[in-house]
Amino acid sequence: MLLLAETTSTGTLVGAAIGFVIWIGIILWTVSIARRKGRSAGLWGVLAFFFSLIPLIIVAILPSRRTVAV
């Protein structure tokens, strides 16, 4: 029991929880940007799930597919 308590510190669990929340936030942010730009939210969400920041940057740079009425 003592060995288990020494190998799993509270700081490690807190760090993992913070990292998980940030990862989920990046996925949701990517999906939100994709929806706003008229892109496939599901596809960009899956890409963000596996590759995290790269799809976020790419979808933010891509132009919108929505047309503006003149």
C-alpha atoms as a PDB file:
ATOM      1  CA  MET A   1       0.000   0.000   0.000  1.00  0.00           C
ATOM      2  CA  LEU A   2       2.767   2.412   0.880  1.00  0.00           C
ATOM      3  CA  LEU A   3       4.522   1.748  -2.416  1.00  0.00           C
ATOM      4  CA  LEU A   4       1.356   2.557  -4.376  1.00  0.00           C
ATOM      5  CA  ALA A   5       0.945   5.882  -2.574  1.00  0.00           C
ATOM      6  CA  GLU A   6       4.525   6.860  -3.357  1.00  0.00           C
ATOM      7  CA  THR A   7       4.322   6.112  -7.079  1.00  0.00           C
ATOM      8  CA  THR A   8       1.086   8.010  -7.771  1.00  0.00           C
ATOM      9  CA  SER A   9       1.387  11.567  -6.578  1.00  0.00           C
ATOM     10  CA  THR A  10      -1.412  14.097  -6.475  1.00  0.00           C
ATOM     11  CA  GLY A  11       0.564  16.413  -8.732  1.00  0.00           C
ATOM     12  CA  THR A  12       0.680  13.780 -11.453  1.00  0.00           C
ATOM     13  CA  LEU A  13      -3.073  13.277 -11.327  1.00  0.00           C
ATOM     14  CA  VAL A  14      -3.753  17.012 -11.356  1.00  0.00           C
ATOM     15  CA  GLY A  15      -1.395  17.472 -14.303  1.00  0.00           C
ATOM     16  CA  ALA A  16      -3.097  14.675 -16.213  1.00  0.00           C
ATOM     17  CA  ALA A  17      -6.535  16.162 -15.494  1.00  0.00           C
ATOM     18  CA  ILE A  18      -5.438  19.607 -16.679  1.00  0.00           C
ATOM     19  CA  GLY A  19      -3.928  18.119 -19.835  1.00  0.00           C
ATOM     20  CA  PHE A  20      -7.140  16.199 -20.519  1.00  0.00           C
ATOM     21  CA  VAL A  21      -9.278  19.333 -20.123  1.00  0.00           C
ATOM     22  CA  ILE A  22      -6.990  21.289 -22.472  1.00  0.00           C
ATOM     23  CA  TRP A  23      -7.097  18.450 -25.029  1.00  0.00           C
ATOM     24  CA  ILE A  24     -10.923  18.366 -24.965  1.00  0.00           C
ATOM     25  CA  GLY A  25     -10.984  22.178 -25.226  1.00  0.00           C
ATOM     26  CA  ILE A  26      -8.789  22.069 -28.342  1.00  0.00           C
ATOM     27  CA  ILE A  27     -11.120  19.504 -29.934  1.00  0.00           C
ATOM     28  CA  LEU A  28     -14.202  21.617 -29.173  1.00  0.00           C
ATOM     29  CA  TRP A  29     -12.511  24.786 -30.383  1.00  0.00           C
ATOM     30  CA  THR A  30     -11.525  23.088 -33.662  1.00  0.00           C
ATOM     31  CA  VAL A  31     -15.096  21.825 -34.190  1.00  0.00           C
ATOM     32  CA  SER A  32     -16.478  25.300 -33.458  1.00  0.00           C
ATOM     33  CA  ILE A  33     -14.193  26.971 -36.001  1.00  0.00           C
ATOM     34  CA  ALA A  34     -14.987  24.300 -38.622  1.00  0.00           C
ATOM     35  CA  ARG A  35     -18.740  24.822 -38.167  1.00  0.00           C
ATOM     36  CA  ARG A  36     -18.406  28.588 -38.410  1.00  0.00           C
ATOM     37  CA  LYS A  37     -16.426  28.274 -41.653  1.00  0.00           C
ATOM     38  CA  GLY A  38     -18.844  25.780 -43.231  1.00  0.00           C
ATOM     39  CA  ARG A  39     -16.416  22.860 -42.995  1.00  0.00           C
ATOM     40  CA  SER A  40     -17.102  19.286 -41.831  1.00  0.00           C
ATOM     41  CA  ALA A  41     -17.167  19.553 -38.028  1.00  0.00           C
ATOM     42  CA  GLY A  42     -17.026  15.768 -37.580  1.00  0.00           C
ATOM     43  CA  LEU A  43     -13.963  15.329 -39.764  1.00  0.00           C
ATOM     44  CA  TRP A  44     -12.103  18.190 -38.101  1.00  0.00           C
ATOM     45  CA  GLY A  45     -13.105  16.880 -34.671  1.00  0.00           C
ATOM     46  CA  VAL A  46     -11.644  13.450 -35.449  1.00  0.00           C
ATOM     47  CA  LEU A  47      -8.466  15.041 -36.804  1.00  0.00           C
ATOM     48  CA  ALA A  48      -8.177  17.163 -33.652  1.00  0.00           C
ATOM     49  CA  PHE A  49      -8.722  14.052 -31.520  1.00  0.00           C
ATOM     50  CA  PHE A  50      -5.664  12.386 -33.036  1.00  0.00           C
ATOM     51  CA  PHE A  51      -3.409  15.324 -33.950  1.00  0.00           C
ATOM     52  CA  SER A  52      -4.475  18.047 -31.467  1.00  0.00           C
ATOM     53  CA  LEU A  53      -2.998  21.443 -32.396  1.00  0.00           C
ATOM     54  CA  ILE A  54      -2.200  20.825 -36.072  1.00  0.00           C
ATOM     55  CA  PRO A  55      -5.859  20.640 -37.251  1.00  0.00           C
ATOM     56  CA  LEU A  56      -6.721  23.645 -35.079  1.00  0.00           C
ATOM     57  CA  ILE A  57      -4.092  25.755 -36.814  1.00  0.00           C
ATOM     58  CA  ILE A  58      -5.028  24.482 -40.288  1.00  0.00           C
ATOM     59  CA  VAL A  59      -8.784  25.034 -39.930  1.00  0.00           C
ATOM     60  CA  ALA A  60      -8.158  28.496 -38.479  1.00  0.00           C
ATOM     61  CA  ILE A  61      -6.079  29.430 -41.553  1.00  0.00           C
ATOM     62  CA  LEU A  62      -8.431  27.947 -44.172  1.00  0.00           C
ATOM     63  CA  PRO A  63     -10.887  30.337 -45.816  1.00  0.00           C
ATOM     64  CA  SER A  64     -14.591  30.021 -45.149  1.00  0.00           C
ATOM     65  CA  ARG A  65     -16.709  27.985 -47.564  1.00  0.00           C
ATOM     66  CA  ARG A  66     -19.737  30.142 -46.872  1.00  0.00           C
ATOM     67  CA  THR A  67     -20.551  32.737 -49.497  1.00  0.00           C
ATOM     68  CA  VAL A  68     -21.487  36.293 -48.712  1.00  0.00           C
ATOM     69  CA  ALA A  69     -24.533  37.662 -50.525  1.00  0.00           C
ATOM     70  CA  VAL A  70     -23.925  40.920 -52.343  1.00  0.00           C
END
